[in-house]
Amino acid sequence: MGKFENRTGKIRLGMVGGGSGAFIGGVHRIASRIDDKYELVAGALSSTPEKAAISAQEIGLPNDRSYANYVEMAKREARLKDGIEAVSIVTPNHMHFPVAREFLKRGIHVICDKPLTSTLADAKKMAAAVDKSDALFVLTHNYTAYPMMRQARAMVRDGTLGKIRVVQVEYPQDWMTDPAEADNKQADWRNDPERSGAGGATGDIGTHAYNLARFVTGLELESLAADLQYFVDGRLTDDNAHVMLRFHGGARGMLWCSQVAPGNENGLRIRVFGEKGGLEWAQENPTNLWFTPNGDHKRLITRNGVGNHTDAMRVSRTPAGHPEGFFEAFATIYSEAARAIIAHRTGDAPPSDVTFPTIHDGVEGMAFIDACVRSSKRDAAWVTIK
């Protein structure tokens, strides 16, 4: 078995990017620890050796497992008997593909932040690299891991709503209402098309909304018409988008994402309506799912409460009434990945109920961004995903 001879111990995890002070790096580290499946043992935590070393010291990595760059890290860790089994990639978007490629070709599993890459071309190259590798690839679209989203998906799949007619999904924020690029590192790279990609708000949060709509409904997109805005002077990537959606089978949808909507902190919301009823969920109140049967009263389904599907209960950690949210959803992605990685150690297939976003979800998300940009440039013309 070589370096993977320990079949039951914690998964040895590395991280690229996400040094001290980086919000998303901290989120991934916390998520990996919640269910006690991983141990962070190595990292190339910053784009400069000096910052990487400081970050490694601050989070407690040993000096000999802190690397100046991801290439050095991939090469050495692949040779070590106790080298990493999986790596978290929490860099700006344009680095996802080159970093993932180095680890995938050495058989190291990849857990990558979204969106998949900064361009559709790189996304397709990434998919080819995953196909060539024996390693697993996991994309952290964390909102799919909320128990109530697993509940909603099960209800749609089981026919509780009947044939789906309408899907409404939105994701408004307000943190970039004013020019923020000069004083905010996160805003700065998101406003750089070379690092973030062509889609600003569309790529950052629109892909979350689109992925969640696809996850819950299972509907496949036929075409879209997008109107992207650049409201703040000097902004190089979009900060607001309205997208109309046509799904195969006749369902229709609308997606709104914005980072210039005062009064909205993290307002991800989805509503799904079918012939027999409708569902409504808001990320800021994530333990509640509203269900309205056609012609009947509106009713509340609570996380781990009465009426929960086994899909939802399996990923709930605490009794009903105890809040679970953002960190736990990320942790569910990590723990689902851990189940697959542990099976991989012995050459087994992942358990049949393992559910996490894959390379295919990532490519589709990039194709969605590409289609939105193409449509908006043609005055919101209807286009198909390539």
Protein backbone atom coordinates (compact mmCIF):
# COMPACT_ATOMS: atom_id res chain seq x y z
CA MET A 1 0.00 0.00 0.00
CA GLY A 2 3.04 2.33 0.31
CA LYS A 3 2.23 5.77 1.70
CA PHE A 4 -1.46 4.85 2.00
CA GLU A 5 -0.90 1.74 4.14
CA ASN A 6 -2.80 3.32 7.04
CA ARG A 7 -6.33 2.45 5.97
CA THR A 8 -8.25 4.00 8.86
CA GLY A 9 -6.18 6.92 10.21
CA LYS A 10 -6.77 10.59 9.59
CA ILE A 11 -6.23 11.83 6.04
CA ARG A 12 -2.99 13.76 5.71
CA LEU A 13 -3.97 17.11 4.21
CA GLY A 14 -1.96 19.86 2.55
CA MET A 15 -3.04 23.36 1.58
CA VAL A 16 -2.03 25.73 -1.21
CA GLY A 17 -2.97 29.35 -0.58
CA GLY A 18 -5.12 30.38 2.34
CA GLY A 19 -2.42 31.77 4.58
CA SER A 20 -3.13 33.45 7.90
CA GLY A 21 -5.56 36.32 7.43
CA ALA A 22 -7.19 34.78 4.37
CA PHE A 23 -10.85 34.14 5.17
CA ILE A 24 -11.45 31.14 2.94
CA GLY A 25 -8.27 29.38 4.03
CA GLY A 26 -9.45 29.53 7.62
CA VAL A 27 -12.86 28.21 6.60
CA HIS A 28 -11.31 25.19 4.87
CA ARG A 29 -9.05 24.44 7.84
CA ILE A 30 -11.95 24.61 10.29
CA ALA A 31 -14.15 22.50 8.01
CA SER A 32 -11.51 19.81 7.70
CA ARG A 33 -11.31 19.49 11.50
CA ILE A 34 -15.00 19.49 12.46
CA ASP A 35 -15.57 15.77 11.90
CA ASP A 36 -11.99 14.83 12.81
CA LYS A 37 -11.22 13.19 9.45
CA TYR A 38 -8.12 15.18 8.45
CA GLU A 39 -4.81 16.39 9.80
CA LEU A 40 -3.18 19.42 8.14
CA VAL A 41 0.50 18.53 7.80
CA ALA A 42 1.92 20.63 4.93
CA GLY A 43 1.35 23.78 2.97
CA ALA A 44 2.48 26.36 0.46
CA LEU A 45 0.36 29.04 2.04
CA SER A 46 1.30 32.18 0.13
CA SER A 47 2.66 33.39 -3.19
CA THR A 48 5.90 34.56 -1.54
CA PRO A 49 8.25 32.32 0.51
CA GLU A 50 8.46 34.85 3.34
CA LYS A 51 4.68 35.13 3.79
CA ALA A 52 4.30 31.36 3.39
CA ALA A 53 6.77 30.75 6.23
CA ILE A 54 5.07 33.25 8.53
CA SER A 55 1.64 31.74 7.84
CA ALA A 56 2.94 28.21 8.42
CA GLN A 57 4.38 29.24 11.77
CA GLU A 58 1.14 30.95 12.80
CA ILE A 59 -1.02 27.90 12.11
CA GLY A 60 1.50 25.43 13.51
CA LEU A 61 2.98 23.66 10.49
CA PRO A 62 6.52 22.29 10.96
CA ASN A 63 9.25 24.18 9.13
CA ASP A 64 10.17 21.23 6.94
CA ARG A 65 6.59 20.90 5.67
CA SER A 66 6.20 24.58 4.77
CA TYR A 67 7.00 25.17 1.11
CA ALA A 68 7.98 28.21 -0.89
CA ASN A 69 5.79 27.16 -3.83
CA TYR A 70 3.26 24.52 -4.81
CA VAL A 71 5.53 22.73 -7.33
CA GLU A 72 8.17 22.06 -4.70
CA MET A 73 5.42 20.92 -2.34
CA ALA A 74 3.82 18.51 -4.83
CA LYS A 75 7.14 16.92 -5.77
CA ARG A 76 8.42 16.40 -2.23
CA GLU A 77 5.13 15.35 -0.64
CA ALA A 78 4.62 12.72 -3.35
CA ARG A 79 7.98 11.17 -2.39
CA LEU A 80 7.49 11.16 1.39
CA LYS A 81 6.22 7.98 3.03
CA ASP A 82 3.98 10.12 5.22
CA GLY A 83 3.26 12.65 2.46
CA ILE A 84 -0.12 14.25 1.99
CA GLU A 85 -3.00 12.24 0.56
CA ALA A 86 -5.12 15.27 -0.34
CA VAL A 87 -4.58 18.97 -0.96
CA SER A 88 -6.91 21.94 -0.48
CA ILE A 89 -6.56 24.63 -3.13
CA VAL A 90 -7.68 28.03 -1.84
CA THR A 91 -5.88 30.40 -4.19
CA PRO A 92 -7.35 33.01 -6.54
CA ASN A 93 -9.18 31.39 -9.46
CA HIS A 94 -6.45 31.64 -12.08
CA MET A 95 -4.16 29.39 -10.03
CA HIS A 96 -6.62 26.52 -9.51
CA PHE A 97 -5.71 24.66 -12.69
CA PRO A 98 -1.89 24.81 -12.56
CA VAL A 99 -1.87 23.89 -8.88
CA ALA A 100 -4.37 21.04 -9.23
CA ARG A 101 -2.49 19.64 -12.22
CA GLU A 102 0.73 19.23 -10.20
CA PHE A 103 -0.99 17.21 -7.49
CA LEU A 104 -3.36 15.22 -9.71
CA LYS A 105 -0.53 13.87 -11.84
CA ARG A 106 1.10 12.57 -8.66
CA GLY A 107 -2.03 10.80 -7.48
CA ILE A 108 -2.86 13.27 -4.71
CA HIS A 109 -6.57 13.97 -4.21
CA VAL A 110 -7.69 17.56 -4.80
CA ILE A 111 -10.27 19.57 -2.85
CA CYS A 112 -10.64 22.84 -4.75
CA ASP A 113 -12.49 26.04 -3.97
CA LYS A 114 -14.96 27.33 -6.52
CA PRO A 115 -15.25 28.47 -9.27
CA LEU A 116 -13.23 25.73 -10.92
CA THR A 117 -10.85 28.02 -12.85
CA SER A 118 -10.75 31.50 -14.36
CA THR A 119 -11.52 30.38 -17.93
CA LEU A 120 -13.61 27.71 -19.61
CA ALA A 121 -10.54 26.57 -21.56
CA ASP A 122 -8.66 25.88 -18.32
CA ALA A 123 -11.72 24.13 -16.90
CA LYS A 124 -11.72 21.69 -19.79
CA LYS A 125 -7.97 21.11 -19.34
CA MET A 126 -8.62 20.47 -15.66
CA ALA A 127 -11.27 17.88 -16.56
CA ALA A 128 -8.77 16.13 -18.82
CA ALA A 129 -6.21 16.10 -16.00
CA VAL A 130 -8.77 14.58 -13.63
CA ASP A 131 -9.64 11.91 -16.19
CA LYS A 132 -5.96 10.95 -16.49
CA SER A 133 -5.42 10.78 -12.74
CA ASP A 134 -6.38 8.08 -10.29
CA ALA A 135 -7.01 10.80 -7.69
CA LEU A 136 -10.38 12.17 -6.63
CA PHE A 137 -11.45 15.72 -7.37
CA VAL A 138 -13.87 17.59 -5.10
CA LEU A 139 -15.24 21.11 -5.65
CA THR A 140 -16.44 23.02 -2.58
CA HIS A 141 -19.85 24.29 -3.63
CA ASN A 142 -20.70 24.17 0.06
CA TYR A 143 -24.33 25.27 -0.16
CA THR A 144 -25.26 21.90 -1.64
CA ALA A 145 -24.25 20.37 1.70
CA TYR A 146 -26.80 22.14 3.90
CA PRO A 147 -29.18 19.47 5.25
CA MET A 148 -32.23 21.38 4.05
CA MET A 149 -30.85 21.47 0.53
CA ARG A 150 -30.43 17.70 0.69
CA GLN A 151 -34.05 17.61 1.92
CA ALA A 152 -35.24 19.80 -0.95
CA ARG A 153 -33.38 17.72 -3.50
CA ALA A 154 -34.90 14.51 -2.15
CA MET A 155 -38.41 15.99 -2.26
CA VAL A 156 -37.98 17.08 -5.89
CA ARG A 157 -36.46 13.72 -6.82
CA ASP A 158 -39.28 11.82 -5.08
CA GLY A 159 -41.96 13.75 -6.98
CA THR A 160 -43.38 15.68 -4.02
CA LEU A 161 -43.51 18.86 -6.13
CA GLY A 162 -44.59 17.13 -9.32
CA LYS A 163 -43.17 18.39 -12.61
CA ILE A 164 -41.03 21.48 -11.98
CA ARG A 165 -42.27 24.64 -13.68
CA VAL A 166 -40.40 27.59 -12.16
CA VAL A 167 -37.02 28.03 -10.46
CA GLN A 168 -36.08 31.36 -8.84
CA VAL A 169 -32.63 31.75 -7.32
CA GLU A 170 -30.83 34.85 -6.10
CA TYR A 171 -27.61 35.75 -4.35
CA PRO A 172 -27.32 39.43 -3.39
CA GLN A 173 -24.50 40.98 -1.34
CA ASP A 174 -23.57 44.59 -0.63
CA TRP A 175 -19.86 44.53 0.17
CA MET A 176 -18.76 46.01 -3.18
CA THR A 177 -21.42 48.74 -3.43
CA ASP A 178 -18.63 51.33 -3.18
CA PRO A 179 -15.17 51.01 -4.74
CA ALA A 180 -13.40 48.53 -2.47
CA GLU A 181 -10.52 47.33 -4.60
CA ALA A 182 -7.87 49.67 -3.20
CA ASP A 183 -8.39 48.69 0.44
CA ASN A 184 -9.59 45.10 0.23
CA LYS A 185 -7.36 42.28 -1.03
CA GLN A 186 -10.36 40.07 -1.78
CA ALA A 187 -12.05 42.80 -3.81
CA ASP A 188 -8.79 43.60 -5.60
CA TRP A 189 -8.19 40.18 -7.17
CA ARG A 190 -11.91 39.71 -7.89
CA ASN A 191 -11.80 42.88 -9.98
CA ASP A 192 -8.86 41.58 -12.03
CA PRO A 193 -10.04 39.50 -15.02
CA GLU A 194 -6.61 37.86 -15.23
CA ARG A 195 -6.99 36.40 -11.75
CA SER A 196 -10.75 36.04 -11.26
CA GLY A 197 -11.90 35.43 -14.83
CA ALA A 198 -14.40 37.24 -17.01
CA GLY A 199 -17.26 36.94 -14.55
CA GLY A 200 -17.03 39.02 -11.37
CA ALA A 201 -20.21 38.64 -9.33
CA THR A 202 -21.35 36.03 -11.85
CA GLY A 203 -18.29 33.88 -11.21
CA ASP A 204 -17.99 34.55 -7.49
CA ILE A 205 -21.59 34.06 -6.34
CA GLY A 206 -23.64 33.51 -9.50
CA THR A 207 -22.02 30.11 -9.93
CA HIS A 208 -23.11 29.19 -6.39
CA ALA A 209 -26.69 30.14 -7.22
CA TYR A 210 -26.68 28.27 -10.53
CA ASN A 211 -25.06 25.19 -9.00
CA LEU A 212 -27.62 25.12 -6.19
CA ALA A 213 -30.52 25.38 -8.65
CA ARG A 214 -29.12 22.48 -10.66
CA PHE A 215 -28.41 20.44 -7.52
CA VAL A 216 -31.89 20.80 -6.04
CA THR A 217 -33.93 20.39 -9.22
CA GLY A 218 -31.78 18.11 -11.36
CA LEU A 219 -32.88 20.18 -14.36
CA GLU A 220 -30.48 20.61 -17.28
CA LEU A 221 -30.07 24.05 -18.82
CA GLU A 222 -31.11 24.51 -22.42
CA SER A 223 -30.26 28.20 -22.91
CA LEU A 224 -29.92 31.50 -21.08
CA ALA A 225 -30.15 35.23 -21.62
CA ALA A 226 -27.92 37.35 -19.38
CA ASP A 227 -27.61 41.07 -18.68
CA LEU A 228 -24.37 41.83 -16.80
CA GLN A 229 -23.69 45.23 -15.21
CA TYR A 230 -20.55 47.13 -14.17
CA PHE A 231 -22.15 49.73 -11.93
CA VAL A 232 -19.10 51.00 -10.03
CA ASP A 233 -16.86 53.26 -12.09
CA GLY A 234 -13.57 51.63 -13.04
CA ARG A 235 -14.73 48.12 -12.26
CA LEU A 236 -13.37 45.56 -14.73
CA THR A 237 -15.62 42.63 -13.79
CA ASP A 238 -19.39 42.59 -13.44
CA ASP A 239 -20.93 43.45 -10.07
CA ASN A 240 -24.57 42.61 -10.90
CA ALA A 241 -26.32 40.19 -13.25
CA HIS A 242 -29.84 39.19 -14.24
CA VAL A 243 -30.10 35.87 -16.04
CA MET A 244 -33.16 34.22 -17.55
CA LEU A 245 -33.00 30.42 -17.78
CA ARG A 246 -34.70 27.89 -20.02
CA PHE A 247 -34.43 24.27 -18.90
CA HIS A 248 -34.92 21.11 -20.92
CA GLY A 249 -38.46 19.84 -20.37
CA GLY A 250 -40.08 23.26 -20.28
CA ALA A 251 -39.22 24.68 -16.85
CA ARG A 252 -38.22 28.32 -16.67
CA GLY A 253 -36.00 30.16 -14.24
CA MET A 254 -34.45 33.44 -13.23
CA LEU A 255 -31.13 34.08 -11.48
CA TRP A 256 -30.07 37.36 -9.91
CA CYS A 257 -26.66 37.87 -8.35
CA SER A 258 -25.31 41.16 -7.09
CA GLN A 259 -22.53 42.54 -4.94
CA VAL A 260 -23.92 46.09 -5.01
CA ALA A 261 -27.24 45.55 -3.20
CA PRO A 262 -27.23 47.55 0.08
CA GLY A 263 -28.89 45.73 2.95
CA ASN A 264 -27.93 42.28 1.71
CA GLU A 265 -25.09 40.51 3.49
CA ASN A 266 -25.20 36.98 2.07
CA GLY A 267 -28.72 36.60 0.71
CA LEU A 268 -28.63 33.31 -1.16
CA ARG A 269 -32.23 32.17 -1.67
CA ILE A 270 -33.92 29.53 -3.81
CA ARG A 271 -37.58 28.91 -4.65
CA VAL A 272 -38.81 25.95 -6.68
CA PHE A 273 -42.38 25.56 -7.90
CA GLY A 274 -43.96 22.48 -9.44
CA GLU A 275 -47.42 21.23 -10.35
CA LYS A 276 -48.01 19.85 -6.84
CA GLY A 277 -46.30 22.43 -4.63
CA GLY A 278 -43.41 24.74 -3.91
CA LEU A 279 -40.27 25.00 -1.77
CA GLU A 280 -38.45 28.02 -0.40
CA TRP A 281 -35.09 28.28 1.43
CA ALA A 282 -32.82 31.14 2.49
CA GLN A 283 -29.17 30.63 3.44
CA GLU A 284 -29.36 33.20 6.21
CA ASN A 285 -31.95 31.01 7.96
CA PRO A 286 -30.58 27.67 6.83
CA THR A 287 -32.29 25.27 9.22
CA ASN A 288 -35.75 26.07 7.82
CA LEU A 289 -37.30 24.85 4.56
CA TRP A 290 -40.80 26.02 3.64
CA PHE A 291 -43.05 23.64 1.72
CA THR A 292 -46.46 24.55 0.33
CA PRO A 293 -48.55 21.77 -1.23
CA ASN A 294 -50.77 23.09 -4.00
CA GLY A 295 -54.10 24.13 -2.49
CA ASP A 296 -52.97 23.60 1.11
CA HIS A 297 -51.37 25.64 3.90
CA LYS A 298 -47.71 26.54 4.05
CA ARG A 299 -45.68 24.32 6.38
CA LEU A 300 -42.22 24.45 7.91
CA ILE A 301 -39.68 21.63 7.74
CA THR A 302 -36.82 22.07 10.20
CA ARG A 303 -33.37 20.52 10.12
CA ASN A 304 -33.36 17.13 11.82
CA GLY A 305 -37.03 17.58 12.64
CA VAL A 306 -40.17 15.66 11.80
CA GLY A 307 -40.44 14.72 8.14
CA ASN A 308 -36.74 14.92 7.33
CA HIS A 309 -35.53 12.65 4.55
CA THR A 310 -32.66 10.31 5.36
CA ASP A 311 -30.49 12.31 2.92
CA ALA A 312 -30.87 15.35 5.18
CA MET A 313 -30.61 13.53 8.49
CA ARG A 314 -27.39 11.79 7.46
CA VAL A 315 -25.56 15.13 7.17
CA SER A 316 -27.05 16.72 10.32
CA ARG A 317 -24.75 16.73 13.34
CA THR A 318 -26.80 18.16 16.18
CA PRO A 319 -30.37 17.73 17.48
CA ALA A 320 -33.16 19.86 16.02
CA GLY A 321 -33.13 23.43 17.29
CA HIS A 322 -29.34 23.67 17.53
CA PRO A 323 -28.13 25.89 14.66
CA GLU A 324 -25.95 24.41 11.95
CA GLY A 325 -24.68 26.58 9.14
CA PHE A 326 -21.79 27.69 6.97
CA PHE A 327 -18.87 25.89 8.59
CA GLU A 328 -20.82 22.67 9.00
CA ALA A 329 -21.83 22.71 5.33
CA PHE A 330 -18.19 23.03 4.33
CA ALA A 331 -17.37 20.25 6.79
CA THR A 332 -19.92 17.99 5.13
CA ILE A 333 -18.16 18.42 1.78
CA TYR A 334 -14.86 17.51 3.48
CA SER A 335 -16.36 14.53 5.28
CA GLU A 336 -18.08 13.22 2.16
CA ALA A 337 -14.74 13.52 0.39
CA ALA A 338 -13.08 11.69 3.30
CA ARG A 339 -15.45 8.74 2.89
CA ALA A 340 -14.46 8.49 -0.78
CA ILE A 341 -10.73 8.90 -0.01
CA ILE A 342 -10.81 6.22 2.66
CA ALA A 343 -12.53 3.83 0.23
CA HIS A 344 -9.89 4.76 -2.37
CA ARG A 345 -7.12 3.67 0.03
CA THR A 346 -8.26 0.05 -0.36
CA GLY A 347 -9.29 0.27 -4.00
CA ASP A 348 -12.99 0.24 -3.16
CA ALA A 349 -15.68 2.34 -4.77
CA PRO A 350 -17.03 5.22 -2.66
CA PRO A 351 -20.19 4.44 -0.65
CA SER A 352 -23.26 4.83 -2.85
CA ASP A 353 -24.66 7.73 -0.84
CA VAL A 354 -21.51 9.87 -0.97
CA THR A 355 -22.46 13.23 -2.47
CA PHE A 356 -20.13 16.10 -3.32
CA PRO A 357 -19.65 18.47 -6.28
CA THR A 358 -17.29 17.04 -8.89
CA ILE A 359 -15.17 18.20 -11.80
CA HIS A 360 -18.26 18.00 -14.00
CA ASP A 361 -20.09 20.52 -11.80
CA GLY A 362 -17.05 22.77 -12.02
CA VAL A 363 -16.87 22.65 -15.81
CA GLU A 364 -20.59 23.33 -16.04
CA GLY A 365 -20.20 26.33 -13.76
CA MET A 366 -17.49 27.76 -15.98
CA ALA A 367 -19.63 27.10 -19.05
CA PHE A 368 -22.44 29.01 -17.31
CA ILE A 369 -20.16 32.02 -16.74
CA ASP A 370 -18.93 31.87 -20.34
CA ALA A 371 -22.50 31.77 -21.66
CA CYS A 372 -23.52 34.72 -19.46
CA VAL A 373 -20.64 36.83 -20.78
CA ARG A 374 -21.37 35.89 -24.40
CA SER A 375 -25.08 36.62 -23.99
CA SER A 376 -24.55 39.99 -22.31
CA LYS A 377 -22.16 41.10 -25.05
CA ARG A 378 -24.94 40.37 -27.54
CA ASP A 379 -27.47 42.53 -25.67
CA ALA A 380 -28.84 39.64 -23.59
CA ALA A 381 -29.37 37.33 -26.57
CA TRP A 382 -30.36 33.73 -25.87
CA VAL A 383 -27.32 31.45 -26.03
CA THR A 384 -26.59 27.83 -25.27
CA ILE A 385 -23.87 26.52 -22.99
CA LYS A 386 -20.79 25.28 -24.86
